[in-house]
Each structure stands twice: as C-alpha cells, then as structure tokens.
N, C-alpha and C. Protein backbone atom coordinates (compact mmCIF):
# COMPACT_ATOMS: atom_id res chain seq x y z
N MET A 1 -15.63 0.44 24.32
CA MET A 1 -14.37 1.34 24.36
C MET A 1 -15.00 2.68 23.84
N SER A 2 -14.78 3.77 24.64
CA SER A 2 -15.22 5.06 24.47
C SER A 2 -14.35 5.75 23.45
N ILE A 3 -14.79 6.84 22.69
CA ILE A 3 -14.09 7.52 21.95
C ILE A 3 -12.94 8.37 22.74
N GLU A 4 -13.31 8.57 23.80
CA GLU A 4 -12.47 9.54 24.76
C GLU A 4 -11.23 8.67 25.05
N PHE A 5 -11.53 7.28 25.25
CA PHE A 5 -10.21 6.34 25.50
C PHE A 5 -9.53 6.29 24.20
N VAL A 6 -10.17 6.17 23.05
CA VAL A 6 -9.40 6.10 21.89
C VAL A 6 -8.52 7.23 21.57
N LYS A 7 -9.11 8.41 21.94
CA LYS A 7 -8.36 9.67 21.76
C LYS A 7 -7.09 9.68 22.74
N GLU A 8 -7.28 9.38 24.04
CA GLU A 8 -6.20 9.46 24.86
C GLU A 8 -5.02 8.49 24.67
N TYR A 9 -5.48 7.38 24.01
CA TYR A 9 -4.28 6.43 23.97
C TYR A 9 -4.21 6.20 22.31
N TYR A 10 -4.46 7.19 21.56
CA TYR A 10 -4.34 7.00 20.18
C TYR A 10 -3.01 6.57 19.61
N TYR A 11 -1.90 7.12 20.13
CA TYR A 11 -0.45 6.60 19.76
C TYR A 11 -0.38 5.22 20.12
N VAL A 12 -0.79 4.67 21.23
CA VAL A 12 -0.61 3.38 21.77
C VAL A 12 -1.27 2.52 20.68
N ILE A 13 -2.62 2.94 20.46
CA ILE A 13 -3.45 2.04 19.60
C ILE A 13 -2.79 2.06 18.09
N CYS A 14 -2.37 3.09 17.80
CA CYS A 14 -1.66 3.11 16.28
C CYS A 14 -0.34 1.98 16.41
N ILE A 15 0.31 2.02 17.43
CA ILE A 15 1.51 1.35 17.53
C ILE A 15 1.26 -0.28 17.60
N VAL A 16 0.07 -0.54 18.28
CA VAL A 16 -0.36 -1.90 18.46
C VAL A 16 -0.85 -2.50 17.08
N ILE A 17 -1.52 -1.59 16.32
CA ILE A 17 -2.19 -1.97 15.05
C ILE A 17 -1.03 -2.09 14.11
N LEU A 18 -0.09 -1.28 14.12
CA LEU A 18 1.11 -1.33 13.29
C LEU A 18 1.99 -2.62 13.49
N LEU A 19 2.36 -2.89 14.84
CA LEU A 19 3.04 -3.91 15.17
C LEU A 19 2.32 -5.39 14.75
N GLY A 20 1.07 -5.34 15.09
CA GLY A 20 0.45 -6.60 14.80
C GLY A 20 0.38 -6.83 13.20
N ALA A 21 0.26 -5.86 12.37
CA ALA A 21 0.23 -6.17 11.07
C ALA A 21 1.69 -6.41 10.60
N PHE A 22 2.57 -5.68 11.07
CA PHE A 22 3.97 -6.05 10.65
C PHE A 22 4.43 -7.53 11.06
N LEU A 23 3.98 -7.83 12.24
CA LEU A 23 4.47 -9.21 12.80
C LEU A 23 3.68 -10.22 11.82
N LEU A 24 2.57 -10.13 11.48
CA LEU A 24 1.89 -10.97 10.61
C LEU A 24 2.49 -11.21 9.32
N PHE A 25 2.82 -9.99 8.72
CA PHE A 25 3.42 -10.17 7.28
C PHE A 25 4.85 -10.43 7.32
N VAL A 26 5.63 -10.01 8.20
CA VAL A 26 7.04 -10.18 8.34
C VAL A 26 7.17 -11.65 8.48
N ARG A 27 6.39 -12.21 9.39
CA ARG A 27 6.51 -13.73 9.79
C ARG A 27 6.20 -14.48 8.38
N GLY A 28 5.22 -14.16 7.51
CA GLY A 28 5.14 -14.85 6.32
C GLY A 28 6.18 -14.61 5.44
N PHE A 29 6.72 -13.51 5.33
CA PHE A 29 7.66 -13.27 4.59
C PHE A 29 9.24 -13.86 4.88
N GLU A 30 9.49 -14.08 6.30
CA GLU A 30 10.47 -14.78 6.67
C GLU A 30 10.41 -16.24 6.62
N SER A 31 9.11 -16.74 6.60
CA SER A 31 8.90 -18.15 6.63
C SER A 31 9.40 -18.94 5.36
N ARG A 32 9.28 -17.93 4.24
CA ARG A 32 9.79 -18.49 2.97
C ARG A 32 11.33 -18.29 2.65
N LYS A 33 12.10 -17.71 3.82
CA LYS A 33 13.43 -17.55 3.66
C LYS A 33 13.93 -16.83 2.41
N PRO A 34 13.70 -15.48 2.45
CA PRO A 34 13.91 -14.64 1.10
C PRO A 34 15.48 -14.35 1.05
N GLY A 35 15.91 -14.47 -0.08
CA GLY A 35 17.56 -14.30 -0.26
C GLY A 35 17.71 -12.73 -0.26
N ALA A 36 19.08 -12.51 -0.19
CA ALA A 36 19.53 -11.10 -0.26
C ALA A 36 19.26 -10.41 -1.51
N ARG A 37 19.21 -11.11 -2.66
CA ARG A 37 18.83 -10.53 -3.80
C ARG A 37 17.12 -9.97 -3.81
N GLU A 38 16.44 -10.84 -3.32
CA GLU A 38 14.99 -10.35 -3.05
C GLU A 38 14.86 -9.08 -2.26
N VAL A 39 15.53 -9.34 -1.19
CA VAL A 39 15.43 -8.03 -0.33
C VAL A 39 15.97 -6.72 -0.95
N VAL A 40 17.11 -6.94 -1.65
CA VAL A 40 17.67 -5.81 -2.36
C VAL A 40 16.73 -5.06 -3.26
N ILE A 41 15.88 -6.08 -4.24
CA ILE A 41 15.08 -5.67 -5.25
C ILE A 41 13.74 -5.05 -4.63
N LEU A 42 13.53 -5.47 -3.47
CA LEU A 42 12.23 -4.97 -2.78
C LEU A 42 12.70 -3.35 -2.10
N ALA A 43 13.98 -3.30 -1.88
CA ALA A 43 14.35 -1.98 -1.26
C ALA A 43 14.47 -1.06 -2.48
N VAL A 44 14.83 -1.47 -3.64
CA VAL A 44 14.97 -0.83 -4.92
C VAL A 44 13.28 -0.45 -5.19
N MET A 45 12.44 -1.25 -5.12
CA MET A 45 11.01 -0.96 -5.57
C MET A 45 10.53 0.10 -4.47
N SER A 46 10.90 0.02 -3.23
CA SER A 46 10.50 0.89 -2.20
C SER A 46 10.91 2.12 -2.63
N ALA A 47 12.16 2.25 -3.01
CA ALA A 47 12.77 3.71 -3.37
C ALA A 47 12.16 4.28 -4.48
N ILE A 48 11.74 3.44 -5.56
CA ILE A 48 11.06 3.88 -6.78
C ILE A 48 9.78 4.42 -6.35
N ALA A 49 9.02 3.75 -5.31
CA ALA A 49 7.68 4.25 -4.90
C ALA A 49 7.90 5.61 -4.11
N VAL A 50 8.91 5.79 -3.32
CA VAL A 50 9.11 6.96 -2.76
C VAL A 50 9.38 8.12 -3.62
N ALA A 51 10.18 7.78 -4.66
CA ALA A 51 10.50 8.82 -5.77
C ALA A 51 9.29 9.23 -6.45
N SER A 52 8.31 8.21 -6.75
CA SER A 52 7.07 8.49 -7.59
C SER A 52 6.25 9.37 -6.86
N ARG A 53 6.37 9.38 -5.60
CA ARG A 53 5.53 10.13 -4.65
C ARG A 53 5.98 11.59 -4.52
N ALA A 54 7.45 11.65 -4.34
CA ALA A 54 8.06 12.91 -4.39
C ALA A 54 8.07 13.67 -5.59
N VAL A 55 8.20 13.04 -6.74
CA VAL A 55 8.24 13.74 -8.22
C VAL A 55 6.95 14.72 -8.23
N PHE A 56 5.77 14.09 -7.61
CA PHE A 56 4.49 14.74 -8.05
C PHE A 56 3.98 15.38 -6.65
N VAL A 57 4.95 15.86 -6.00
CA VAL A 57 4.74 16.68 -4.67
C VAL A 57 3.85 17.88 -5.13
N MET A 58 3.90 18.50 -6.10
CA MET A 58 3.27 19.82 -6.35
C MET A 58 1.90 19.54 -6.89
N ILE A 59 1.44 18.28 -7.33
CA ILE A 59 0.21 18.02 -7.73
C ILE A 59 -0.64 17.31 -6.69
N PRO A 60 -1.58 17.74 -5.99
CA PRO A 60 -2.25 17.14 -4.98
C PRO A 60 -3.02 15.89 -5.37
N PHE A 61 -2.75 14.91 -4.53
CA PHE A 61 -3.49 13.55 -4.63
C PHE A 61 -3.09 12.77 -5.99
N VAL A 62 -2.29 13.53 -6.88
CA VAL A 62 -1.94 12.54 -7.95
C VAL A 62 -0.54 12.03 -7.68
N LYS A 63 -0.56 10.69 -7.19
CA LYS A 63 0.57 10.16 -6.84
C LYS A 63 0.62 8.62 -7.38
N PRO A 64 1.72 8.27 -8.19
CA PRO A 64 1.77 6.95 -8.55
C PRO A 64 2.32 5.74 -7.54
N ILE A 65 2.59 6.24 -6.35
CA ILE A 65 3.10 5.33 -5.23
C ILE A 65 2.37 4.03 -5.10
N LEU A 66 1.15 4.28 -5.01
CA LEU A 66 0.42 3.02 -4.81
C LEU A 66 0.37 1.99 -6.01
N GLY A 67 0.49 2.50 -7.02
CA GLY A 67 0.60 1.61 -8.48
C GLY A 67 1.85 0.92 -8.19
N ILE A 68 2.99 1.58 -7.75
CA ILE A 68 4.32 0.80 -7.95
C ILE A 68 4.31 -0.12 -6.72
N ILE A 69 3.59 0.05 -5.69
CA ILE A 69 3.45 -0.81 -4.49
C ILE A 69 2.74 -2.01 -5.06
N MET A 70 1.67 -2.03 -5.66
CA MET A 70 0.80 -2.98 -6.20
C MET A 70 1.55 -3.87 -7.27
N ILE A 71 2.37 -3.16 -7.91
CA ILE A 71 3.17 -3.88 -9.08
C ILE A 71 3.99 -4.90 -8.22
N THR A 72 4.72 -4.39 -7.27
CA THR A 72 5.50 -5.15 -6.37
C THR A 72 4.73 -6.43 -5.77
N GLY A 73 3.67 -6.22 -5.28
CA GLY A 73 2.73 -7.19 -4.81
C GLY A 73 2.40 -8.19 -5.72
N ILE A 74 2.27 -7.74 -7.01
CA ILE A 74 1.72 -8.75 -8.10
C ILE A 74 3.03 -9.53 -8.43
N ALA A 75 4.24 -8.92 -8.62
CA ALA A 75 5.48 -9.58 -8.78
C ALA A 75 5.93 -10.56 -7.72
N PHE A 76 5.92 -10.23 -6.52
CA PHE A 76 6.57 -10.89 -5.54
C PHE A 76 5.63 -11.31 -4.43
N GLY A 77 4.31 -11.17 -4.52
CA GLY A 77 3.29 -11.84 -3.51
C GLY A 77 2.82 -10.77 -2.35
N VAL A 78 2.05 -11.53 -1.62
CA VAL A 78 1.46 -10.65 -0.50
C VAL A 78 2.22 -10.06 0.50
N GLU A 79 3.21 -10.79 1.04
CA GLU A 79 4.04 -10.26 2.20
C GLU A 79 5.03 -9.24 1.59
N ALA A 80 5.48 -9.45 0.48
CA ALA A 80 6.45 -8.39 -0.22
C ALA A 80 5.72 -7.21 -0.48
N GLY A 81 4.43 -7.27 -1.00
CA GLY A 81 3.69 -6.18 -1.32
C GLY A 81 3.36 -5.37 -0.06
N PHE A 82 3.05 -5.94 1.06
CA PHE A 82 2.76 -5.25 2.32
C PHE A 82 4.05 -4.64 2.71
N LEU A 83 5.16 -5.17 2.87
CA LEU A 83 6.32 -4.66 3.25
C LEU A 83 7.00 -3.48 2.41
N THR A 84 6.76 -3.60 1.18
CA THR A 84 6.97 -2.43 0.21
C THR A 84 6.25 -1.27 0.54
N GLY A 85 4.87 -1.60 0.80
CA GLY A 85 3.85 -0.44 1.01
C GLY A 85 4.16 0.25 2.29
N ALA A 86 4.37 -0.46 3.26
CA ALA A 86 4.79 0.02 4.60
C ALA A 86 5.81 0.87 4.67
N VAL A 87 7.06 0.31 4.10
CA VAL A 87 8.32 1.00 4.03
C VAL A 87 8.19 2.17 3.16
N SER A 88 7.68 2.30 2.15
CA SER A 88 7.45 3.40 1.19
C SER A 88 6.66 4.45 1.80
N ALA A 89 5.73 4.22 2.55
CA ALA A 89 4.95 5.21 3.39
C ALA A 89 5.72 5.80 4.33
N LEU A 90 6.49 5.13 5.16
CA LEU A 90 7.26 5.60 6.32
C LEU A 90 8.32 6.40 5.58
N VAL A 91 9.10 6.09 4.53
CA VAL A 91 10.25 6.82 4.07
C VAL A 91 9.75 8.07 3.57
N SER A 92 8.72 7.96 2.61
CA SER A 92 8.22 9.12 1.72
C SER A 92 7.62 10.06 2.81
N ASN A 93 7.24 9.63 4.00
CA ASN A 93 6.72 10.92 4.98
C ASN A 93 7.88 11.66 5.33
N PHE A 94 9.27 11.23 5.30
CA PHE A 94 10.16 12.08 5.66
C PHE A 94 10.33 13.30 4.75
N ILE A 95 9.70 13.04 3.59
CA ILE A 95 9.45 14.33 2.57
C ILE A 95 8.19 14.89 2.81
N PHE A 96 7.09 14.34 3.06
CA PHE A 96 5.91 14.93 3.12
C PHE A 96 5.45 15.24 4.63
N GLY A 97 6.14 14.63 5.51
CA GLY A 97 5.99 15.05 7.04
C GLY A 97 5.53 13.88 7.67
N GLN A 98 6.21 13.71 8.88
CA GLN A 98 5.58 12.48 9.80
C GLN A 98 4.69 13.04 10.70
N GLY A 99 3.84 12.17 11.23
CA GLY A 99 2.78 12.51 12.20
C GLY A 99 1.98 11.31 12.76
N PRO A 100 1.04 11.39 13.49
CA PRO A 100 0.16 10.43 13.86
C PRO A 100 -0.29 9.60 12.81
N TRP A 101 -0.40 10.28 11.64
CA TRP A 101 -1.26 9.71 10.50
C TRP A 101 -0.35 8.49 9.87
N THR A 102 1.17 8.56 10.16
CA THR A 102 2.07 7.72 9.53
C THR A 102 1.68 6.14 9.53
N PRO A 103 1.45 5.64 10.87
CA PRO A 103 1.03 4.40 10.97
C PRO A 103 -0.08 3.93 10.13
N TRP A 104 -1.19 4.68 10.06
CA TRP A 104 -2.21 4.36 9.23
C TRP A 104 -1.93 4.30 7.85
N GLN A 105 -1.16 5.37 7.35
CA GLN A 105 -0.68 5.18 5.89
C GLN A 105 0.12 3.94 5.71
N MET A 106 1.08 3.63 6.70
CA MET A 106 1.87 2.44 6.43
C MET A 106 0.94 1.09 6.22
N PHE A 107 0.01 1.00 7.18
CA PHE A 107 -0.90 -0.06 7.10
C PHE A 107 -1.70 0.02 5.81
N ALA A 108 -2.22 1.08 5.38
CA ALA A 108 -3.16 1.24 4.26
C ALA A 108 -2.28 0.97 3.00
N TYR A 109 -1.23 1.60 2.91
CA TYR A 109 -0.24 1.26 1.67
C TYR A 109 0.19 -0.13 1.66
N GLY A 110 0.49 -0.70 2.83
CA GLY A 110 0.85 -2.09 2.71
C GLY A 110 -0.28 -3.04 2.38
N LEU A 111 -1.39 -2.64 2.97
CA LEU A 111 -2.64 -3.59 2.57
C LEU A 111 -2.86 -3.56 1.18
N ALA A 112 -2.61 -2.32 0.66
CA ALA A 112 -2.81 -2.39 -0.93
C ALA A 112 -2.03 -3.21 -1.77
N GLY A 113 -0.63 -3.29 -1.35
CA GLY A 113 0.30 -4.15 -1.84
C GLY A 113 -0.16 -5.69 -1.59
N ALA A 114 -0.53 -5.96 -0.36
CA ALA A 114 -0.89 -7.27 -0.05
C ALA A 114 -2.01 -7.81 -0.87
N ILE A 115 -3.06 -6.88 -0.86
CA ILE A 115 -4.37 -7.19 -1.77
C ILE A 115 -4.02 -7.57 -3.15
N ALA A 116 -2.99 -6.68 -3.83
CA ALA A 116 -2.59 -6.90 -5.10
C ALA A 116 -1.89 -8.11 -5.25
N GLY A 117 -1.08 -8.69 -4.40
CA GLY A 117 -0.45 -9.94 -4.43
C GLY A 117 -1.34 -11.08 -4.22
N PHE A 118 -2.26 -10.86 -3.34
CA PHE A 118 -3.32 -11.94 -3.23
C PHE A 118 -4.16 -12.26 -4.40
N LEU A 119 -4.46 -11.12 -5.09
CA LEU A 119 -5.36 -11.20 -6.21
C LEU A 119 -4.59 -11.66 -7.48
N ALA A 120 -3.22 -11.24 -7.45
CA ALA A 120 -2.32 -11.87 -8.52
C ALA A 120 -2.14 -13.58 -8.44
N LYS A 121 -2.14 -13.70 -7.17
CA LYS A 121 -1.93 -15.23 -6.98
C LYS A 121 -2.90 -15.92 -7.60
N ARG A 122 -4.39 -15.55 -7.55
CA ARG A 122 -5.45 -16.32 -8.04
C ARG A 122 -5.76 -15.63 -9.37
N LYS A 123 -4.80 -15.17 -10.08
CA LYS A 123 -4.68 -14.77 -11.42
C LYS A 123 -5.93 -13.79 -11.72
N ILE A 124 -6.31 -12.91 -11.04
CA ILE A 124 -7.27 -11.90 -11.05
C ILE A 124 -6.67 -10.54 -11.52
N MET A 125 -5.38 -10.30 -10.71
CA MET A 125 -4.63 -9.06 -11.39
C MET A 125 -3.55 -9.71 -12.00
N GLY A 126 -2.91 -8.88 -13.03
CA GLY A 126 -1.76 -9.43 -13.51
C GLY A 126 -1.68 -8.65 -15.02
N THR A 127 -0.44 -8.91 -15.62
CA THR A 127 -0.28 -8.42 -16.88
C THR A 127 -1.07 -8.88 -18.06
N ASP A 128 -1.77 -10.00 -17.89
CA ASP A 128 -2.60 -10.38 -18.87
C ASP A 128 -4.00 -9.95 -18.93
N ARG A 129 -4.20 -9.19 -17.92
CA ARG A 129 -5.54 -8.51 -17.64
C ARG A 129 -5.43 -7.09 -17.15
N LEU A 130 -4.76 -6.26 -18.02
CA LEU A 130 -4.40 -4.79 -17.57
C LEU A 130 -5.52 -4.08 -17.19
N LEU A 131 -6.56 -4.12 -18.05
CA LEU A 131 -7.71 -3.32 -17.81
C LEU A 131 -8.40 -3.62 -16.43
N LEU A 132 -8.51 -4.93 -16.30
CA LEU A 132 -9.15 -5.17 -14.98
C LEU A 132 -8.15 -4.86 -13.85
N THR A 133 -6.85 -5.06 -13.98
CA THR A 133 -5.93 -4.69 -13.00
C THR A 133 -5.98 -3.32 -12.57
N SER A 134 -5.92 -2.44 -13.64
CA SER A 134 -6.20 -0.93 -13.58
C SER A 134 -7.43 -0.59 -12.75
N PHE A 135 -8.44 -1.27 -13.23
CA PHE A 135 -9.90 -1.02 -12.58
C PHE A 135 -9.67 -1.38 -11.07
N LEU A 136 -9.28 -2.47 -10.74
CA LEU A 136 -9.01 -2.96 -9.44
C LEU A 136 -8.21 -2.20 -8.60
N GLY A 137 -7.02 -1.68 -9.22
CA GLY A 137 -6.23 -0.74 -8.49
C GLY A 137 -6.95 0.48 -7.95
N TYR A 138 -7.85 0.95 -8.86
CA TYR A 138 -8.74 2.18 -8.47
C TYR A 138 -9.59 1.85 -7.42
N VAL A 139 -10.33 0.64 -7.34
CA VAL A 139 -11.31 0.21 -6.48
C VAL A 139 -10.65 0.04 -5.11
N ILE A 140 -9.43 -0.57 -5.09
CA ILE A 140 -8.76 -0.81 -3.92
C ILE A 140 -8.41 0.46 -3.19
N VAL A 141 -7.98 1.52 -3.77
CA VAL A 141 -7.64 2.84 -3.35
C VAL A 141 -9.06 3.54 -2.89
N GLN A 142 -9.97 3.59 -3.76
CA GLN A 142 -11.10 4.27 -3.53
C GLN A 142 -11.90 3.78 -2.27
N PHE A 143 -11.89 2.41 -2.19
CA PHE A 143 -12.78 1.86 -1.16
C PHE A 143 -12.05 1.09 -0.12
N ILE A 144 -10.79 1.02 -0.08
CA ILE A 144 -10.07 0.41 0.93
C ILE A 144 -9.10 1.29 1.45
N VAL A 145 -8.16 1.73 0.84
CA VAL A 145 -7.11 2.48 1.24
C VAL A 145 -7.58 3.95 1.73
N GLY A 146 -8.22 4.52 1.03
CA GLY A 146 -8.79 5.73 1.40
C GLY A 146 -9.63 5.80 2.61
N PRO A 147 -10.57 4.95 2.48
CA PRO A 147 -11.38 4.92 3.84
C PRO A 147 -10.58 4.66 5.14
N ILE A 148 -9.55 3.82 5.02
CA ILE A 148 -8.67 3.56 6.17
C ILE A 148 -7.94 4.91 6.68
N LEU A 149 -7.48 5.78 5.62
CA LEU A 149 -6.89 6.94 6.10
C LEU A 149 -7.93 7.98 6.46
N ASP A 150 -9.24 7.84 5.97
CA ASP A 150 -10.20 8.80 6.70
C ASP A 150 -10.63 8.30 8.08
N CYS A 151 -10.47 6.96 8.35
CA CYS A 151 -10.79 6.66 9.70
C CYS A 151 -9.69 7.37 10.62
N SER A 152 -8.48 7.40 10.31
CA SER A 152 -7.59 8.10 11.12
C SER A 152 -7.92 9.49 11.29
N SER A 153 -8.55 10.24 10.21
CA SER A 153 -8.93 11.61 10.40
C SER A 153 -10.11 11.62 11.43
N LEU A 154 -10.90 10.58 11.58
CA LEU A 154 -11.88 10.95 12.49
C LEU A 154 -11.37 10.90 13.89
N LEU A 155 -10.21 10.19 14.22
CA LEU A 155 -9.72 10.22 15.43
C LEU A 155 -8.80 11.51 15.82
N LEU A 156 -8.12 12.01 14.51
CA LEU A 156 -7.35 13.06 14.67
C LEU A 156 -8.13 14.45 15.04
N MET A 157 -9.22 14.49 14.29
CA MET A 157 -10.02 15.69 14.58
C MET A 157 -10.40 16.17 15.93
N GLY A 158 -10.50 15.18 16.72
CA GLY A 158 -10.78 15.52 18.21
C GLY A 158 -12.21 16.21 18.51
N ARG A 159 -13.16 15.60 17.73
CA ARG A 159 -14.50 16.12 17.98
C ARG A 159 -15.36 14.97 18.29
N THR A 160 -16.47 15.29 18.99
CA THR A 160 -17.53 14.18 19.23
C THR A 160 -18.02 13.55 18.18
N MET A 161 -18.03 12.21 18.19
CA MET A 161 -18.56 11.40 17.03
C MET A 161 -20.00 11.45 16.83
N SER A 162 -20.43 11.74 15.67
CA SER A 162 -21.79 11.69 15.30
C SER A 162 -21.91 11.31 13.93
N LYS A 163 -23.05 10.74 13.39
CA LYS A 163 -23.31 10.40 12.28
C LYS A 163 -23.11 11.44 11.19
N GLU A 164 -23.51 12.70 11.46
CA GLU A 164 -23.14 13.79 10.57
C GLU A 164 -21.80 13.97 10.44
N PHE A 165 -20.89 13.99 11.46
CA PHE A 165 -19.51 14.17 11.36
C PHE A 165 -18.69 13.00 10.64
N VAL A 166 -19.17 11.85 11.01
CA VAL A 166 -18.59 10.68 10.26
C VAL A 166 -18.78 10.85 8.70
N PHE A 167 -20.00 11.12 8.38
CA PHE A 167 -20.43 11.29 6.97
C PHE A 167 -19.61 12.33 6.25
N ALA A 168 -19.49 13.43 7.02
CA ALA A 168 -18.77 14.51 6.48
C ALA A 168 -17.34 14.36 6.08
N ILE A 169 -16.63 13.51 7.01
CA ILE A 169 -15.22 12.97 6.89
C ILE A 169 -15.16 12.37 5.71
N PHE A 170 -15.99 11.23 5.60
CA PHE A 170 -15.98 10.38 4.41
C PHE A 170 -16.37 11.00 2.93
N ALA A 171 -17.23 11.90 3.27
CA ALA A 171 -17.64 12.57 2.03
C ALA A 171 -16.50 13.47 1.49
N ALA A 172 -15.80 14.09 2.52
CA ALA A 172 -14.71 14.99 2.16
C ALA A 172 -13.56 14.27 1.58
N GLY A 173 -13.46 12.95 2.03
CA GLY A 173 -12.19 12.27 1.51
C GLY A 173 -12.59 11.55 0.21
N ALA A 174 -13.88 11.46 -0.43
CA ALA A 174 -14.36 10.86 -1.51
C ALA A 174 -13.55 11.29 -2.65
N THR A 175 -13.36 12.55 -2.99
CA THR A 175 -12.80 13.05 -4.17
C THR A 175 -11.33 13.08 -4.15
N PRO A 176 -10.67 13.10 -3.11
CA PRO A 176 -9.06 13.01 -2.96
C PRO A 176 -8.81 11.40 -3.29
N ASN A 177 -9.52 10.61 -2.45
CA ASN A 177 -9.42 9.13 -2.85
C ASN A 177 -9.80 8.83 -4.23
N GLY A 178 -10.59 9.40 -4.86
CA GLY A 178 -10.89 9.16 -6.32
C GLY A 178 -9.78 9.45 -7.18
N ILE A 179 -9.18 10.65 -6.82
CA ILE A 179 -8.07 11.19 -7.82
C ILE A 179 -6.80 10.34 -7.47
N LEU A 180 -6.60 9.77 -6.35
CA LEU A 180 -5.53 8.92 -6.03
C LEU A 180 -5.86 7.66 -6.62
N GLY A 181 -6.98 7.23 -6.66
CA GLY A 181 -7.38 5.86 -7.31
C GLY A 181 -7.22 5.95 -8.89
N ILE A 182 -7.68 7.06 -9.31
CA ILE A 182 -7.32 7.21 -10.75
C ILE A 182 -6.00 7.11 -11.19
N ALA A 183 -4.91 7.84 -10.33
CA ALA A 183 -3.58 7.91 -10.59
C ALA A 183 -3.09 6.51 -10.55
N THR A 184 -3.64 5.76 -9.54
CA THR A 184 -3.11 4.43 -9.37
C THR A 184 -3.43 3.39 -10.54
N GLY A 185 -4.71 3.64 -10.88
CA GLY A 185 -5.11 2.92 -12.11
C GLY A 185 -4.46 3.15 -13.33
N VAL A 186 -3.99 4.45 -13.64
CA VAL A 186 -3.31 4.88 -14.64
C VAL A 186 -1.95 4.21 -14.66
N THR A 187 -1.28 4.36 -13.52
CA THR A 187 0.10 3.81 -13.29
C THR A 187 0.06 2.25 -13.61
N LEU A 188 -0.98 1.46 -13.12
CA LEU A 188 -0.92 0.27 -13.31
C LEU A 188 -1.12 -0.13 -14.94
N LEU A 189 -1.89 0.56 -15.62
CA LEU A 189 -2.08 0.44 -16.85
C LEU A 189 -0.94 0.79 -17.77
N LEU A 190 -0.04 1.66 -17.38
CA LEU A 190 0.95 2.01 -17.99
C LEU A 190 2.27 1.23 -17.88
N LEU A 191 2.40 0.94 -16.45
CA LEU A 191 3.77 0.39 -15.95
C LEU A 191 3.65 -1.10 -15.48
N CYS A 192 2.53 -1.69 -15.32
CA CYS A 192 2.39 -3.00 -14.71
C CYS A 192 3.07 -3.95 -15.67
N LYS A 193 2.82 -3.95 -17.00
CA LYS A 193 3.22 -4.98 -17.93
C LYS A 193 4.92 -4.82 -18.03
N PRO A 194 5.40 -3.69 -18.24
CA PRO A 194 6.95 -3.62 -18.48
C PRO A 194 7.76 -3.93 -17.22
N MET A 195 7.26 -3.34 -15.91
CA MET A 195 7.76 -3.62 -14.84
C MET A 195 7.87 -4.94 -14.13
N VAL A 196 6.72 -5.42 -14.34
CA VAL A 196 6.34 -6.91 -13.95
C VAL A 196 7.24 -7.95 -14.65
N GLY A 197 7.24 -7.62 -16.10
CA GLY A 197 8.04 -8.32 -16.99
C GLY A 197 9.47 -8.22 -16.55
N LYS A 198 10.10 -7.14 -16.33
CA LYS A 198 11.54 -7.05 -15.96
C LYS A 198 11.68 -7.69 -14.49
N LEU A 199 10.78 -7.67 -13.46
CA LEU A 199 10.83 -8.38 -12.24
C LEU A 199 10.94 -9.81 -12.39
N ASN A 200 10.05 -10.31 -13.38
CA ASN A 200 10.00 -11.57 -13.43
C ASN A 200 11.24 -12.23 -14.09
N ARG A 201 11.74 -11.42 -14.85
CA ARG A 201 13.18 -11.91 -15.49
C ARG A 201 14.28 -11.88 -14.50
N LEU A 202 14.17 -10.92 -13.57
CA LEU A 202 15.15 -10.86 -12.51
C LEU A 202 14.91 -12.20 -11.57
N LYS A 203 13.72 -12.51 -11.26
CA LYS A 203 13.41 -13.76 -10.55
C LYS A 203 13.88 -14.97 -11.13
N ILE A 204 13.81 -15.04 -12.37
CA ILE A 204 14.30 -16.16 -13.03
C ILE A 204 15.83 -16.23 -13.13
N LYS A 205 16.49 -15.12 -13.46
CA LYS A 205 17.81 -15.02 -13.45
C LYS A 205 18.68 -15.44 -12.31
N TYR A 206 17.95 -14.79 -11.08
CA TYR A 206 18.78 -15.03 -9.87
C TYR A 206 18.14 -16.17 -8.92
N GLY A 207 16.88 -16.88 -9.55
CA GLY A 207 16.47 -17.93 -8.80
C GLY A 207 15.68 -17.52 -7.58
N ILE A 208 14.99 -16.30 -7.70
CA ILE A 208 14.14 -15.59 -6.70
C ILE A 208 12.84 -16.55 -6.50
N MET A 209 12.64 -16.81 -5.35
CA MET A 209 11.27 -17.34 -4.93
C MET A 209 10.96 -18.65 -5.87
N GLU A 210 12.13 -19.38 -5.97
CA GLU A 210 12.12 -20.85 -6.57
C GLU A 210 11.18 -21.79 -5.80
N ALA A 211 11.31 -21.54 -4.52
CA ALA A 211 10.48 -22.61 -3.55
C ALA A 211 9.13 -22.30 -3.87
N ASP A 212 8.66 -21.04 -3.75
CA ASP A 212 7.21 -20.78 -4.07
C ASP A 212 6.69 -21.26 -5.51
N ALA A 213 7.71 -21.25 -6.45
CA ALA A 213 7.23 -21.48 -7.86
C ALA A 213 7.03 -23.02 -7.91
N LYS A 214 7.67 -23.81 -7.15
CA LYS A 214 7.63 -25.24 -7.26
C LYS A 214 6.24 -25.81 -6.57
N GLU A 215 5.79 -24.93 -5.69
CA GLU A 215 4.46 -25.33 -4.91
C GLU A 215 3.26 -25.46 -5.74
C-alpha cells in the first residue's frame, strides 16, 4: 500500500479503523449486559473528562482528561475505559476543534482507558499502587497515546515519507507527549484513590457489574 493511496483514502481508512475498534469494544461491553445506572455513570465520567480538558484550555498540553479516562477504566474495566475515552475525545473536540485527527484521538484516548482497565484487572494498576499507577499513566501517554497521534500527523502533513521526516515528527511530539504524560500521572496520583473509591461504592450500592464480580 503506497503512501499516496493512504493519503487519497485517508478519511475512509480512519473510519474503518474507528468502526473496527468500536465494534470490538462495544461488543464486549454489550456482552455483559450493562445496566442503565452503569451507562449513566460512564456518561458522567465522560462529561468530567471533557470538562477537565476544557478547564485547562489555556495551558498547552496540560490536560487531566486521560487521567480521568484511565480512572474509569480502572473502576469499570477495559470496554468501559475505551468507550469513555472515545466519547470524551469526540465531545471535547467540539470545543477544541473537529478534524481528520478526531478518529485518531478517539482511538488513542479509548486505548488508554482500555489499557488501564486491563492492567487494573491484573492488579498492576489501582488505588493500592498509586505511585506505580501514576508512572504507568505517564508511560501509556508518552509511548502509546502520543505516538498514535503522531502517526496521524505523518499522514496529515502530506509530504513524502522519509526516515528524516518520520524522525522529525516523532521528535517534535516527544515534548508535548511528555507534558501530557506528566499531567496524566499527576491526575492519577491525586484523584485515582478518591474517585475509584466513590465509583466502587456506587457499584456496590447499585449492584453494578455484579456478574463480573462473581466470575
């Protein structure tokens, strides 16, 4: 597949990637038959994530949104983390601007929530390991979320691909990704324990995800 083909069908490729990812995670989410209360809570978490990005609009790259998304993944699991991230990216871009980068942001933000949910299920991330959770939040943003968004920049720039050009794009994104990663780590360090605690109490109070807890 040539780079010219990718550029010509850029939007189609983005839509295919987006739909494929959504179908995968939505199917998993629906398979455990989430209740209305869980859906409402995820909607609220998405709203908090969007607000956390909007509040810091004047400070470049310092955004707590990914930390909130990861907290949702830690509390509710892989599929919920992905959906919260994807929805938060889409909705917040009505403030920051929609464009061909939006599907990439939706996928990258959703993947951050999914990874956090995956690691939490294996007791690697969580409130009992705040320093490790904070560090892993930084690593996920710096080395996974950021590079995915940098890949979208490679296609948007509309230039001939070369080693020098690719290196320049990723080098330029290293510092912004690092700042966003640090903001994410700090958010997890400060908010993970209180927010996950409250979400767990809601899960117990309303019987959310009881089927998963019994497995």
